[in-house]
Amino acid sequence: MPDPSTAPDSAGFRPDAVFILGMLHRTGTNHLADLFGLHDGVEVLAPIFEDQLVRHSPLLVAYVDAVTRNWTPEWNVPATEGPALLRSIGDGIVGWLQGHAPGRTVVTKMPRIDNAEHFFDLFPGCGLVVLVRDGRSVVESGVRSFGWSYEAGFRRWADAAEKVLAFRARHDGDRRVRFLRYEDLIADEPVVITVTRSNYVKRQPLETFRRQGRGGKGVKGQTLKEEDVVDEVFTTTTHSWLLFFTTRGKVYRVKVHEVPEFARAARGTYVANLPGVSITGEEKVSAVIDLKKYEEGKYLFFATKKGIVKKTKLTEYDSPRTGLAAINLKPRDELKDVRLTDGKDEIFLFSRRGQVIRFKESLVRPMGRQTAGVIGMRQIGRAHV
């Protein structure tokens, strides 16, 4: 994160103060302010200024309008005096902010982009950082922190996104404003994800595990509950998605960086504690898929306990909503596994009796997300897949 107190941009602009505007609550303005605060020449003013200075700017605009309406033509007041009066009020606010940290660059933050259209009328010499974030992450955080409903949360996020796009269209190329994605504040680093049969998950930096020679005995990778086993261990990156599929045919989407980091020998956290994951009762994680992006031409191939299989385009699962129905299950059936394919793979299904069937994936036609699938292997007695 550049130091705003010492690093002008390519046009030589050095701001009097820096304002952070989040597109909505839970966008991550605290995290960005903390990053700015790491610089010696910066003072982050929070929380007493949060949400007010820009949000209530229409009151100042209305004040100036009321004053200038009383300027009669006989006075010959230049038309520029109204905007100049508004800028003077803004200069006074900036001076008041700078008085809290003399000699330092002041950074203040507000979690909403409301009334940002007045910003540069008031603060033409200041820098503005607009922070945006993935809608699912914002809404899930709002549901947990503020009790939002999902419907109301997505409406708030969509309204805020429209305001951001409109503001960006008006200020495209303006050196005083920067648009940042919250996800870009997080380093894209390689990590190891571990998932156990009892639904515990954890993230560890890849460098936690040192390379060993052929005769090495290894190190303890996780502390497990009695009768628990590790089902999934794979490497991915912090910007990737994790799709958690459950035995009841649902899918939950989580960013890798949202999985808590734990020490090598730690058990991890229960998967229901992850943002947006709400599995309950006897429901278990049956498969985990990690994705960098939702690619065209990729498929998810499902197999259930009773031998039902289904193939669906990966892009049908690219939704900000979580807890989607991934497959429609028949009574007493459950999802056993999900694999990412290219539509041309060979499929093997194994039963508990040691039977196996092999067929080309292309023989299974693609189906919609909320479908049940077709028979892939007939069940004989209790010899389920």
Protein backbone atom coordinates (compact mmCIF):
# COMPACT_ATOMS: atom_id res chain seq x y z
CA MET A 1 0.00 0.00 0.00
CA PRO A 2 1.65 3.30 -1.07
CA ASP A 3 2.37 5.85 1.62
CA PRO A 4 -0.05 8.75 0.93
CA SER A 5 2.10 11.14 2.96
CA THR A 6 5.17 10.87 0.71
CA ALA A 7 4.18 9.29 -2.62
CA PRO A 8 2.47 11.58 -5.13
CA ASP A 9 1.02 9.86 -8.17
CA SER A 10 2.42 10.12 -11.69
CA ALA A 11 0.76 13.53 -12.14
CA GLY A 12 2.38 14.90 -8.98
CA PHE A 13 -0.81 15.02 -6.93
CA ARG A 14 -0.22 14.96 -3.16
CA PRO A 15 -3.51 14.95 -1.21
CA ASP A 16 -4.29 17.24 1.72
CA ALA A 17 -6.11 14.31 3.31
CA VAL A 18 -7.31 10.86 2.20
CA PHE A 19 -10.91 9.71 2.54
CA ILE A 20 -11.82 6.02 2.34
CA LEU A 21 -15.37 5.32 1.20
CA GLY A 22 -16.69 1.78 1.36
CA MET A 23 -19.46 0.88 -1.06
CA LEU A 24 -21.48 -0.43 1.91
CA HIS A 25 -21.05 -1.56 5.49
CA ARG A 26 -18.83 -4.67 5.81
CA THR A 27 -16.79 -3.75 2.74
CA GLY A 28 -13.50 -3.80 4.66
CA THR A 29 -12.72 -0.13 5.32
CA ASN A 30 -11.21 -1.01 8.71
CA HIS A 31 -8.69 -3.32 7.06
CA LEU A 32 -7.72 -0.73 4.45
CA ALA A 33 -7.39 2.00 7.11
CA ASP A 34 -5.12 -0.31 9.14
CA LEU A 35 -2.89 -0.77 6.09
CA PHE A 36 -2.63 3.00 5.61
CA GLY A 37 -1.87 3.36 9.32
CA LEU A 38 1.26 1.24 8.96
CA HIS A 39 3.03 4.23 7.37
CA ASP A 40 4.90 6.57 9.73
CA GLY A 41 3.59 9.77 8.18
CA VAL A 42 -0.09 8.80 8.33
CA GLU A 43 -2.69 9.30 11.04
CA VAL A 44 -5.92 7.30 10.71
CA LEU A 45 -8.82 9.15 12.33
CA ALA A 46 -11.44 6.69 13.54
CA PRO A 47 -14.02 5.96 14.66
CA ILE A 48 -15.57 9.33 15.62
CA PHE A 49 -15.49 10.70 12.05
CA GLU A 50 -16.83 7.56 10.46
CA ASP A 51 -19.88 7.82 8.19
CA GLN A 52 -20.62 11.51 8.68
CA LEU A 53 -18.46 13.90 6.66
CA VAL A 54 -19.52 12.79 3.18
CA ARG A 55 -22.86 11.23 4.03
CA HIS A 56 -24.23 14.55 5.34
CA SER A 57 -22.62 16.75 2.69
CA PRO A 58 -26.04 17.60 1.11
CA LEU A 59 -26.70 19.72 4.21
CA LEU A 60 -23.69 21.88 3.35
CA VAL A 61 -24.69 22.06 -0.30
CA ALA A 62 -28.20 23.13 0.73
CA TYR A 63 -26.69 25.78 3.03
CA VAL A 64 -24.64 27.30 0.21
CA ASP A 65 -27.64 27.17 -2.13
CA ALA A 66 -29.77 28.99 0.46
CA VAL A 67 -27.10 31.67 0.90
CA THR A 68 -26.49 32.24 -2.81
CA ARG A 69 -30.21 32.50 -3.60
CA ASN A 70 -30.25 35.74 -1.59
CA TRP A 71 -27.52 37.32 -3.72
CA THR A 72 -29.46 39.75 -5.90
CA PRO A 73 -28.28 40.64 -9.44
CA GLU A 74 -27.56 44.20 -8.34
CA TRP A 75 -24.73 42.95 -6.14
CA ASN A 76 -22.85 41.63 -9.20
CA VAL A 77 -21.58 38.60 -7.29
CA PRO A 78 -19.57 36.34 -9.66
CA ALA A 79 -21.14 32.93 -10.34
CA THR A 80 -17.95 31.31 -9.07
CA GLU A 81 -18.50 32.55 -5.53
CA GLY A 82 -21.03 29.83 -4.66
CA PRO A 83 -18.68 26.93 -5.46
CA ALA A 84 -15.86 28.86 -3.80
CA LEU A 85 -17.91 29.19 -0.61
CA LEU A 86 -18.54 25.43 -0.63
CA ARG A 87 -14.83 24.73 -1.14
CA SER A 88 -14.01 27.06 1.76
CA ILE A 89 -16.30 25.07 4.01
CA GLY A 90 -14.54 21.91 2.84
CA ASP A 91 -11.13 23.51 3.52
CA GLY A 92 -12.30 24.26 7.05
CA ILE A 93 -13.28 20.63 7.58
CA VAL A 94 -9.92 19.43 6.27
CA GLY A 95 -8.12 21.91 8.55
CA TRP A 96 -10.14 20.60 11.47
CA LEU A 97 -9.10 17.04 10.59
CA GLN A 98 -5.45 18.02 10.20
CA GLY A 99 -5.57 19.72 13.60
CA HIS A 100 -5.90 16.25 15.15
CA ALA A 101 -2.57 15.18 13.65
CA PRO A 102 -0.31 18.17 12.84
CA GLY A 103 2.37 17.42 10.28
CA ARG A 104 0.88 14.10 9.24
CA THR A 105 -1.36 13.01 6.38
CA VAL A 106 -4.84 12.41 7.75
CA VAL A 107 -6.82 9.34 6.66
CA THR A 108 -10.48 9.03 7.58
CA LYS A 109 -12.97 6.37 6.56
CA MET A 110 -16.68 6.01 5.98
CA PRO A 111 -18.41 2.69 5.26
CA ARG A 112 -20.92 4.00 2.70
CA ILE A 113 -20.68 5.76 -0.64
CA ASP A 114 -23.84 7.83 -0.12
CA ASN A 115 -23.62 11.38 -1.60
CA ALA A 116 -20.12 10.88 -3.00
CA GLU A 117 -21.12 13.13 -5.92
CA HIS A 118 -20.49 16.15 -3.65
CA PHE A 119 -17.03 14.99 -2.55
CA PHE A 120 -14.80 16.95 -4.92
CA ASP A 121 -17.01 20.05 -4.68
CA LEU A 122 -16.12 20.12 -0.99
CA PHE A 123 -12.65 18.57 -0.98
CA PRO A 124 -10.95 19.22 -4.35
CA GLY A 125 -7.47 18.88 -2.84
CA CYS A 126 -8.10 15.55 -1.13
CA GLY A 127 -7.64 11.98 -2.25
CA LEU A 128 -10.50 9.50 -2.34
CA VAL A 129 -10.28 5.71 -2.19
CA VAL A 130 -13.48 3.82 -3.04
CA LEU A 131 -13.42 0.26 -1.73
CA VAL A 132 -15.67 -2.40 -3.28
CA ARG A 133 -16.18 -6.05 -2.35
CA ASP A 134 -17.85 -9.19 -3.61
CA GLY A 135 -21.59 -9.07 -2.89
CA ARG A 136 -21.79 -12.47 -1.22
CA SER A 137 -19.06 -11.56 1.27
CA VAL A 138 -20.70 -8.22 2.12
CA VAL A 139 -24.17 -9.71 2.56
CA GLU A 140 -23.00 -12.70 4.58
CA SER A 141 -21.09 -10.39 6.91
CA GLY A 142 -24.12 -8.09 7.20
CA VAL A 143 -26.38 -11.02 8.06
CA ARG A 144 -24.04 -12.07 10.87
CA SER A 145 -23.19 -8.59 12.19
CA PHE A 146 -26.40 -6.59 11.68
CA GLY A 147 -29.13 -9.19 11.26
CA TRP A 148 -29.82 -8.29 7.62
CA SER A 149 -32.04 -10.59 5.62
CA TYR A 150 -30.39 -11.98 2.49
CA GLU A 151 -32.94 -10.27 0.24
CA ALA A 152 -32.49 -6.86 1.88
CA GLY A 153 -28.71 -7.29 1.94
CA PHE A 154 -28.48 -8.03 -1.77
CA ARG A 155 -30.72 -5.06 -2.54
CA ARG A 156 -28.43 -2.81 -0.49
CA TRP A 157 -25.37 -4.17 -2.25
CA ALA A 158 -26.93 -3.78 -5.72
CA ASP A 159 -27.95 -0.17 -4.97
CA ALA A 160 -24.43 0.60 -3.72
CA ALA A 161 -22.87 -1.04 -6.79
CA GLU A 162 -24.96 1.21 -9.06
CA LYS A 163 -23.74 4.28 -7.15
CA VAL A 164 -20.13 3.15 -7.50
CA LEU A 165 -20.49 2.59 -11.25
CA ALA A 166 -22.14 5.97 -11.74
CA PHE A 167 -19.44 7.73 -9.68
CA ARG A 168 -16.69 5.93 -11.58
CA ALA A 169 -18.20 6.93 -14.92
CA ARG A 170 -18.12 10.62 -13.87
CA HIS A 171 -14.55 10.50 -12.53
CA ASP A 172 -12.84 8.09 -14.91
CA GLY A 173 -9.19 9.15 -15.20
CA ASP A 174 -9.34 11.56 -12.23
CA ARG A 175 -5.96 11.28 -10.50
CA ARG A 176 -7.52 12.11 -7.14
CA VAL A 177 -9.64 8.95 -6.91
CA ARG A 178 -8.73 5.26 -6.76
CA PHE A 179 -11.05 2.26 -6.93
CA LEU A 180 -9.90 -0.84 -5.02
CA ARG A 181 -11.29 -4.34 -4.63
CA TYR A 182 -11.10 -5.69 -1.10
CA GLU A 183 -9.82 -8.99 -2.47
CA ASP A 184 -6.81 -7.17 -3.97
CA LEU A 185 -5.71 -6.13 -0.47
CA ILE A 186 -5.07 -9.79 0.33
CA ALA A 187 -1.90 -11.35 -1.07
CA ASP A 188 -2.55 -14.26 -3.44
CA GLU A 189 -0.40 -16.85 -1.67
CA PRO A 190 -0.19 -20.64 -1.91
CA VAL A 191 -1.83 -22.44 1.01
CA VAL A 192 -2.78 -25.94 2.12
CA ILE A 193 -6.44 -26.74 2.88
CA THR A 194 -7.34 -29.71 5.09
CA VAL A 195 -10.88 -31.07 5.54
CA THR A 196 -11.77 -33.95 7.87
CA ARG A 197 -14.67 -36.40 7.83
CA SER A 198 -16.11 -34.70 10.94
CA ASN A 199 -16.33 -31.41 9.02
CA TYR A 200 -13.28 -29.62 10.43
CA VAL A 201 -11.38 -27.38 8.03
CA LYS A 202 -8.25 -25.27 8.26
CA ARG A 203 -5.84 -23.25 6.15
CA GLN A 204 -2.05 -23.26 6.48
CA PRO A 205 0.71 -21.46 4.56
CA LEU A 206 2.45 -23.80 2.15
CA GLU A 207 5.82 -23.01 3.72
CA THR A 208 4.57 -24.65 6.95
CA PHE A 209 5.59 -27.95 5.37
CA ARG A 210 9.27 -28.27 4.54
CA ARG A 211 10.51 -30.58 1.83
CA GLN A 212 11.79 -33.95 3.13
CA GLY A 213 13.89 -36.64 1.51
CA ARG A 214 12.78 -40.14 0.54
CA GLY A 215 13.56 -41.55 3.97
CA GLY A 216 11.93 -38.73 5.97
CA LYS A 217 9.33 -39.74 8.55
CA GLY A 218 7.17 -36.62 8.07
CA VAL A 219 5.60 -34.32 10.67
CA LYS A 220 2.27 -34.22 12.45
CA GLY A 221 -0.17 -32.38 10.22
CA GLN A 222 -3.32 -32.19 12.36
CA THR A 223 -4.83 -33.10 15.72
CA LEU A 224 -7.97 -35.18 15.13
CA LYS A 225 -10.94 -36.10 17.27
CA GLU A 226 -11.39 -39.78 18.09
CA GLU A 227 -12.45 -41.77 14.99
CA ASP A 228 -12.03 -38.73 12.73
CA VAL A 229 -9.90 -38.95 9.58
CA VAL A 230 -8.59 -36.48 7.03
CA ASP A 231 -10.67 -36.68 3.84
CA GLU A 232 -9.23 -33.83 1.77
CA VAL A 233 -5.75 -32.26 1.57
CA PHE A 234 -4.88 -30.01 -1.35
CA THR A 235 -2.98 -26.86 -2.25
CA THR A 236 -4.65 -23.75 -3.62
CA THR A 237 -4.28 -19.96 -3.33
CA THR A 238 -5.93 -17.39 -1.09
CA HIS A 239 -7.85 -15.76 -3.98
CA SER A 240 -9.47 -19.02 -5.08
CA TRP A 241 -12.99 -20.25 -4.33
CA LEU A 242 -13.88 -23.33 -2.30
CA LEU A 243 -17.14 -25.11 -3.12
CA PHE A 244 -18.35 -27.27 -0.22
CA PHE A 245 -20.85 -29.92 -1.33
CA THR A 246 -22.86 -31.67 1.37
CA THR A 247 -24.53 -35.05 1.67
CA ARG A 248 -27.92 -33.33 1.32
CA GLY A 249 -27.08 -32.01 -2.11
CA LYS A 250 -26.31 -28.39 -1.24
CA VAL A 251 -23.28 -26.31 -2.18
CA TYR A 252 -21.69 -23.47 -0.19
CA ARG A 253 -19.13 -21.07 -1.67
CA VAL A 254 -16.28 -19.58 0.41
CA LYS A 255 -13.15 -17.66 -0.48
CA VAL A 256 -9.98 -19.47 0.58
CA HIS A 257 -8.78 -16.44 2.58
CA GLU A 258 -12.03 -16.66 4.62
CA VAL A 259 -10.96 -20.05 5.98
CA PRO A 260 -9.14 -19.35 9.27
CA GLU A 261 -5.42 -20.02 9.39
CA PHE A 262 -4.30 -22.49 12.06
CA ALA A 263 -1.04 -23.95 13.31
CA ARG A 264 0.15 -27.17 11.75
CA ALA A 265 -1.02 -29.45 14.57
CA ALA A 266 -4.32 -27.65 15.24
CA ARG A 267 -7.68 -29.31 14.55
CA GLY A 268 -9.16 -26.35 12.67
CA THR A 269 -12.67 -24.90 12.78
CA TYR A 270 -16.02 -26.56 12.22
CA VAL A 271 -17.08 -25.90 8.64
CA ALA A 272 -20.42 -24.38 9.77
CA ASN A 273 -18.39 -21.50 11.27
CA LEU A 274 -17.27 -20.36 7.82
CA PRO A 275 -19.09 -17.36 6.27
CA GLY A 276 -22.30 -18.46 4.60
CA VAL A 277 -22.04 -22.16 5.52
CA SER A 278 -25.01 -23.44 7.53
CA ILE A 279 -24.88 -27.22 7.60
CA THR A 280 -26.71 -28.80 10.53
CA GLY A 281 -27.50 -32.15 12.13
CA GLU A 282 -26.20 -35.22 10.33
CA GLU A 283 -25.29 -33.27 7.18
CA LYS A 284 -21.65 -33.77 6.19
CA VAL A 285 -19.26 -32.37 3.63
CA SER A 286 -19.07 -34.93 0.84
CA ALA A 287 -16.71 -33.07 -1.53
CA VAL A 288 -14.65 -29.87 -1.81
CA ILE A 289 -13.74 -28.26 -5.13
CA ASP A 290 -11.26 -25.39 -5.40
CA LEU A 291 -11.59 -22.97 -8.31
CA LYS A 292 -9.65 -19.97 -9.56
CA LYS A 293 -12.56 -18.99 -11.82
CA TYR A 294 -15.72 -20.43 -13.32
CA GLU A 295 -14.51 -21.56 -16.72
CA GLU A 296 -16.67 -22.25 -19.74
CA GLY A 297 -16.36 -25.85 -20.96
CA LYS A 298 -15.94 -27.22 -17.42
CA TYR A 299 -18.47 -29.44 -15.67
CA LEU A 300 -19.27 -30.78 -12.23
CA PHE A 301 -19.95 -34.53 -12.17
CA PHE A 302 -22.05 -35.82 -9.26
CA ALA A 303 -22.48 -39.33 -7.87
CA THR A 304 -24.95 -40.33 -5.14
CA LYS A 305 -25.15 -43.20 -2.69
CA LYS A 306 -27.83 -44.95 -4.80
CA GLY A 307 -25.81 -44.76 -8.00
CA ILE A 308 -27.39 -41.66 -9.56
CA VAL A 309 -25.03 -39.47 -11.61
CA LYS A 310 -25.41 -35.98 -13.01
CA LYS A 311 -23.30 -33.62 -15.10
CA THR A 312 -23.87 -29.84 -14.92
CA LYS A 313 -22.01 -26.89 -16.39
CA LEU A 314 -19.71 -25.31 -13.82
CA THR A 315 -20.95 -21.81 -14.69
CA GLU A 316 -24.43 -22.66 -13.34
CA TYR A 317 -22.95 -22.55 -9.84
CA ASP A 318 -21.48 -19.05 -10.21
CA SER A 319 -23.94 -17.28 -7.91
CA PRO A 320 -23.53 -14.83 -5.02
CA ARG A 321 -26.10 -16.84 -3.08
CA THR A 322 -24.86 -19.61 -0.85
CA GLY A 323 -26.55 -22.85 0.15
CA LEU A 324 -27.69 -23.52 -3.41
CA ALA A 325 -29.34 -26.81 -4.35
CA ALA A 326 -26.57 -28.61 -6.26
CA ILE A 327 -28.61 -31.74 -7.06
CA ASN A 328 -32.13 -32.98 -6.32
CA LEU A 329 -31.87 -36.13 -4.21
CA LYS A 330 -34.43 -38.89 -3.91
CA PRO A 331 -35.62 -39.98 -0.43
CA ARG A 332 -32.90 -41.68 1.65
CA ASP A 333 -30.27 -40.88 -0.98
CA GLU A 334 -27.22 -38.72 -0.33
CA LEU A 335 -24.48 -37.09 -2.35
CA LYS A 336 -21.25 -39.10 -2.19
CA ASP A 337 -18.78 -37.22 -4.39
CA VAL A 338 -18.35 -34.38 -6.89
CA ARG A 339 -15.54 -33.99 -9.40
CA LEU A 340 -14.52 -31.16 -11.73
CA THR A 341 -14.29 -32.43 -15.32
CA ASP A 342 -13.81 -31.20 -18.88
CA GLY A 343 -16.71 -33.27 -20.29
CA LYS A 344 -14.37 -35.85 -21.85
CA ASP A 345 -13.21 -37.87 -18.84
CA GLU A 346 -13.65 -41.55 -18.01
CA ILE A 347 -15.94 -42.23 -15.04
CA PHE A 348 -15.44 -45.06 -12.52
CA LEU A 349 -18.11 -45.89 -9.93
CA PHE A 350 -17.33 -48.37 -7.14
CA SER A 351 -19.82 -50.15 -4.86
CA ARG A 352 -19.31 -51.39 -1.31
CA ARG A 353 -19.25 -54.97 -2.66
CA GLY A 354 -16.21 -54.19 -4.77
CA GLN A 355 -18.07 -53.89 -8.04
CA VAL A 356 -16.99 -51.23 -10.52
CA ILE A 357 -18.42 -49.71 -13.67
CA ARG A 358 -16.57 -47.59 -16.19
CA PHE A 359 -18.12 -45.37 -18.85
CA LYS A 360 -17.37 -42.26 -20.87
CA GLU A 361 -18.50 -39.01 -19.32
CA SER A 362 -19.79 -37.89 -22.72
CA LEU A 363 -22.56 -40.52 -22.42
CA VAL A 364 -24.15 -38.40 -19.64
CA ARG A 365 -25.83 -35.33 -21.11
CA PRO A 366 -25.50 -31.99 -19.27
CA MET A 367 -28.45 -31.14 -17.00
CA GLY A 368 -29.56 -28.07 -15.08
CA ARG A 369 -28.49 -27.32 -11.53
CA GLN A 370 -31.78 -28.34 -9.87
CA THR A 371 -32.16 -31.76 -11.50
CA ALA A 372 -31.87 -35.30 -10.16
CA GLY A 373 -29.64 -36.99 -12.75
CA VAL A 374 -29.77 -40.47 -14.29
CA ILE A 375 -28.83 -43.99 -13.21
CA GLY A 376 -25.08 -44.53 -13.37
CA MET A 377 -24.87 -47.80 -11.45
CA ARG A 378 -27.79 -49.97 -10.37
CA GLN A 379 -27.87 -50.70 -6.65
CA ILE A 380 -27.92 -54.37 -5.64
CA GLY A 381 -29.23 -54.77 -2.10
CA ARG A 382 -27.26 -52.54 0.23
CA ALA A 383 -24.21 -52.33 -2.02
CA HIS A 384 -24.36 -48.60 -2.41
CA VAL A 385 -21.78 -46.48 -4.22
